[in-house]
Amino acid sequence: MDVATKTEPVVTLTASAAQEIQARLAADPQGKSKSLRLFVEKGGCSGMQYGMVFDERRPEDLEAEFFGVSVFVDAFSANYLRGSVVDFSDALTGGGFKITNPQAAQSCGCGKSFETTPSDTTSG
């Protein structure tokens, strides 16, 4: 039995999302040394907002690879993103990256921010 255990990826990329990310990285002069970082931060109209940037791996990152694209997620963001699926559509209306997050109790109409369940927030 192997001592190292594999853990389930925090997020999943669809093939179309991976293709778009590869195209954007190829167009970036510094793209060869970077990959996708997916994160959340406070803000947006629903309380938390998604962020995606091209970045280098950090020591504490959780990492997974899909269709040749590495995805980095920090531990804080992993708590909010676990089980999410990142997709891409080039449709004229509603196109772009879309994150489907099973942890989101409510999402903003823009799709870029979300709210977690009341037990995940503190009242003051």
C-alpha atoms as a PDB file:
ATOM      1  CA  MET A   1       0.000   0.000   0.000  1.00  0.00           C
ATOM      2  CA  ASP A   2       1.308   3.439  -0.938  1.00  0.00           C
ATOM      3  CA  VAL A   3       1.941   5.734   2.030  1.00  0.00           C
ATOM      4  CA  ALA A   4       0.935   8.847   0.081  1.00  0.00           C
ATOM      5  CA  THR A   5      -2.794   9.246  -0.242  1.00  0.00           C
ATOM      6  CA  LYS A   6      -4.558  11.170  -2.961  1.00  0.00           C
ATOM      7  CA  THR A   7      -7.151  13.655  -1.882  1.00  0.00           C
ATOM      8  CA  GLU A   8     -10.140  14.730  -3.890  1.00  0.00           C
ATOM      9  CA  PRO A   9      -9.481  17.943  -5.872  1.00  0.00           C
ATOM     10  CA  VAL A  10     -10.986  21.088  -4.388  1.00  0.00           C
ATOM     11  CA  VAL A  11     -12.370  22.218  -7.750  1.00  0.00           C
ATOM     12  CA  THR A  12     -12.840  20.683 -11.173  1.00  0.00           C
ATOM     13  CA  LEU A  13     -12.228  22.257 -14.591  1.00  0.00           C
ATOM     14  CA  THR A  14     -14.251  21.223 -17.603  1.00  0.00           C
ATOM     15  CA  ALA A  15     -12.475  20.552 -20.900  1.00  0.00           C
ATOM     16  CA  SER A  16     -13.759  23.849 -22.350  1.00  0.00           C
ATOM     17  CA  ALA A  17     -12.451  25.825 -19.342  1.00  0.00           C
ATOM     18  CA  ALA A  18      -9.066  24.121 -19.614  1.00  0.00           C
ATOM     19  CA  GLN A  19      -8.853  24.890 -23.352  1.00  0.00           C
ATOM     20  CA  GLU A  20      -9.608  28.578 -22.759  1.00  0.00           C
ATOM     21  CA  ILE A  21      -7.061  28.803 -19.949  1.00  0.00           C
ATOM     22  CA  GLN A  22      -4.405  27.134 -22.123  1.00  0.00           C
ATOM     23  CA  ALA A  23      -5.130  29.621 -24.927  1.00  0.00           C
ATOM     24  CA  ARG A  24      -4.840  32.595 -22.577  1.00  0.00           C
ATOM     25  CA  LEU A  25      -1.637  31.272 -21.015  1.00  0.00           C
ATOM     26  CA  ALA A  26      -0.158  30.746 -24.497  1.00  0.00           C
ATOM     27  CA  ALA A  27      -0.960  34.375 -25.358  1.00  0.00           C
ATOM     28  CA  ASP A  28       0.748  35.637 -22.174  1.00  0.00           C
ATOM     29  CA  PRO A  29       4.547  36.101 -22.538  1.00  0.00           C
ATOM     30  CA  GLN A  30       4.983  34.901 -18.920  1.00  0.00           C
ATOM     31  CA  GLY A  31       2.371  32.140 -19.262  1.00  0.00           C
ATOM     32  CA  LYS A  32       4.852  29.252 -19.296  1.00  0.00           C
ATOM     33  CA  SER A  33       5.759  29.828 -15.644  1.00  0.00           C
ATOM     34  CA  LYS A  34       2.184  30.300 -14.420  1.00  0.00           C
ATOM     35  CA  SER A  35      -1.097  28.485 -14.066  1.00  0.00           C
ATOM     36  CA  LEU A  36      -4.618  29.201 -12.839  1.00  0.00           C
ATOM     37  CA  ARG A  37      -5.236  30.387  -9.280  1.00  0.00           C
ATOM     38  CA  LEU A  38      -8.853  30.277  -8.138  1.00  0.00           C
ATOM     39  CA  PHE A  39      -9.727  32.116  -4.929  1.00  0.00           C
ATOM     40  CA  VAL A  40     -12.476  33.818  -2.956  1.00  0.00           C
ATOM     41  CA  GLU A  41     -12.393  37.072  -1.049  1.00  0.00           C
ATOM     42  CA  LYS A  42     -14.855  39.223   0.831  1.00  0.00           C
ATOM     43  CA  GLY A  43     -16.756  41.585  -1.417  1.00  0.00           C
ATOM     44  CA  GLY A  44     -19.201  41.580  -4.266  1.00  0.00           C
ATOM     45  CA  CYS A  45     -22.937  42.069  -3.950  1.00  0.00           C
ATOM     46  CA  SER A  46     -23.501  38.764  -2.117  1.00  0.00           C
ATOM     47  CA  GLY A  47     -20.712  38.915   0.485  1.00  0.00           C
ATOM     48  CA  MET A  48     -17.981  36.765  -1.130  1.00  0.00           C
ATOM     49  CA  GLN A  49     -16.597  37.011  -4.648  1.00  0.00           C
ATOM     50  CA  TYR A  50     -14.657  34.702  -6.921  1.00  0.00           C
ATOM     51  CA  GLY A  51     -11.265  35.556  -8.344  1.00  0.00           C
ATOM     52  CA  MET A  52      -9.187  33.929 -11.070  1.00  0.00           C
ATOM     53  CA  VAL A  53      -5.624  34.950 -11.930  1.00  0.00           C
ATOM     54  CA  PHE A  54      -2.556  33.447 -13.530  1.00  0.00           C
ATOM     55  CA  ASP A  55      -0.008  32.887 -10.796  1.00  0.00           C
ATOM     56  CA  GLU A  56       2.855  30.703  -9.618  1.00  0.00           C
ATOM     57  CA  ARG A  57       2.447  27.943  -7.056  1.00  0.00           C
ATOM     58  CA  ARG A  58       2.852  28.875  -3.385  1.00  0.00           C
ATOM     59  CA  PRO A  59       4.074  26.415  -0.734  1.00  0.00           C
ATOM     60  CA  GLU A  60       0.706  25.977   1.020  1.00  0.00           C
ATOM     61  CA  ASP A  61      -1.429  25.717  -2.118  1.00  0.00           C
ATOM     62  CA  LEU A  62      -3.676  22.793  -2.870  1.00  0.00           C
ATOM     63  CA  GLU A  63      -3.102  21.759  -6.486  1.00  0.00           C
ATOM     64  CA  ALA A  64      -4.899  19.636  -9.053  1.00  0.00           C
ATOM     65  CA  GLU A  65      -4.476  19.190 -12.798  1.00  0.00           C
ATOM     66  CA  PHE A  66      -7.231  18.936 -15.407  1.00  0.00           C
ATOM     67  CA  PHE A  67      -6.626  18.464 -19.132  1.00  0.00           C
ATOM     68  CA  GLY A  68      -3.048  19.697 -18.718  1.00  0.00           C
ATOM     69  CA  VAL A  69      -3.931  22.786 -16.642  1.00  0.00           C
ATOM     70  CA  SER A  70      -2.779  23.076 -13.035  1.00  0.00           C
ATOM     71  CA  VAL A  71      -5.167  24.806 -10.644  1.00  0.00           C
ATOM     72  CA  PHE A  72      -3.964  26.351  -7.379  1.00  0.00           C
ATOM     73  CA  VAL A  73      -6.282  27.046  -4.426  1.00  0.00           C
ATOM     74  CA  ASP A  74      -5.234  28.436  -1.047  1.00  0.00           C
ATOM     75  CA  ALA A  75      -6.540  26.809   2.144  1.00  0.00           C
ATOM     76  CA  PHE A  76      -8.914  29.682   3.023  1.00  0.00           C
ATOM     77  CA  SER A  77     -10.542  29.603  -0.407  1.00  0.00           C
ATOM     78  CA  ALA A  78     -10.723  25.807  -0.412  1.00  0.00           C
ATOM     79  CA  ASN A  79     -13.253  25.986   2.436  1.00  0.00           C
ATOM     80  CA  TYR A  80     -15.618  27.944   0.169  1.00  0.00           C
ATOM     81  CA  LEU A  81     -14.808  26.315  -3.192  1.00  0.00           C
ATOM     82  CA  ARG A  82     -14.798  22.594  -2.354  1.00  0.00           C
ATOM     83  CA  GLY A  83     -16.833  20.720  -4.963  1.00  0.00           C
ATOM     84  CA  SER A  84     -17.049  23.644  -7.397  1.00  0.00           C
ATOM     85  CA  VAL A  85     -16.895  23.189 -11.165  1.00  0.00           C
ATOM     86  CA  VAL A  86     -15.337  25.822 -13.447  1.00  0.00           C
ATOM     87  CA  ASP A  87     -16.742  25.877 -16.984  1.00  0.00           C
ATOM     88  CA  PHE A  88     -16.287  28.154 -19.988  1.00  0.00           C
ATOM     89  CA  SER A  89     -18.693  29.103 -22.757  1.00  0.00           C
ATOM     90  CA  ASP A  90     -17.999  31.334 -25.746  1.00  0.00           C
ATOM     91  CA  ALA A  91     -21.698  32.079 -26.268  1.00  0.00           C
ATOM     92  CA  LEU A  92     -22.549  35.652 -27.259  1.00  0.00           C
ATOM     93  CA  THR A  93     -24.899  36.008 -24.298  1.00  0.00           C
ATOM     94  CA  GLY A  94     -23.959  34.533 -20.952  1.00  0.00           C
ATOM     95  CA  GLY A  95     -20.516  33.512 -22.178  1.00  0.00           C
ATOM     96  CA  GLY A  96     -17.311  33.445 -20.175  1.00  0.00           C
ATOM     97  CA  PHE A  97     -16.169  31.484 -17.152  1.00  0.00           C
ATOM     98  CA  LYS A  98     -18.866  30.162 -14.853  1.00  0.00           C
ATOM     99  CA  ILE A  99     -18.327  28.653 -11.408  1.00  0.00           C
ATOM    100  CA  THR A 100     -20.957  26.260 -10.122  1.00  0.00           C
ATOM    101  CA  ASN A 101     -20.474  26.122  -6.363  1.00  0.00           C
ATOM    102  CA  PRO A 102     -22.459  23.646  -4.251  1.00  0.00           C
ATOM    103  CA  GLN A 103     -21.486  25.595  -1.115  1.00  0.00           C
ATOM    104  CA  ALA A 104     -23.211  28.771  -2.291  1.00  0.00           C
ATOM    105  CA  ALA A 105     -26.597  29.275  -0.647  1.00  0.00           C
ATOM    106  CA  GLN A 106     -27.264  32.197  -2.976  1.00  0.00           C
ATOM    107  CA  SER A 107     -25.447  33.714  -5.954  1.00  0.00           C
ATOM    108  CA  CYS A 108     -25.608  37.178  -7.428  1.00  0.00           C
ATOM    109  CA  GLY A 109     -27.115  37.624 -10.871  1.00  0.00           C
ATOM    110  CA  CYS A 110     -23.662  38.489 -12.237  1.00  0.00           C
ATOM    111  CA  GLY A 111     -22.383  35.047 -11.175  1.00  0.00           C
ATOM    112  CA  LYS A 112     -19.220  36.511  -9.692  1.00  0.00           C
ATOM    113  CA  SER A 113     -20.288  36.660  -6.062  1.00  0.00           C
ATOM    114  CA  PHE A 114     -22.067  34.371  -3.648  1.00  0.00           C
ATOM    115  CA  GLU A 115     -23.350  33.981  -0.122  1.00  0.00           C
ATOM    116  CA  THR A 116     -22.751  30.980   2.099  1.00  0.00           C
ATOM    117  CA  THR A 117     -25.268  29.406   4.448  1.00  0.00           C
ATOM    118  CA  PRO A 118     -26.076  31.356   7.636  1.00  0.00           C
ATOM    119  CA  SER A 119     -24.075  28.891   9.777  1.00  0.00           C
ATOM    120  CA  ASP A 120     -20.940  29.899   7.816  1.00  0.00           C
ATOM    121  CA  THR A 121     -21.264  33.587   8.698  1.00  0.00           C
ATOM    122  CA  THR A 122     -21.022  35.443  11.957  1.00  0.00           C
ATOM    123  CA  SER A 123     -23.553  37.967  13.150  1.00  0.00           C
ATOM    124  CA  GLY A 124     -22.570  41.042  14.957  1.00  0.00           C
END
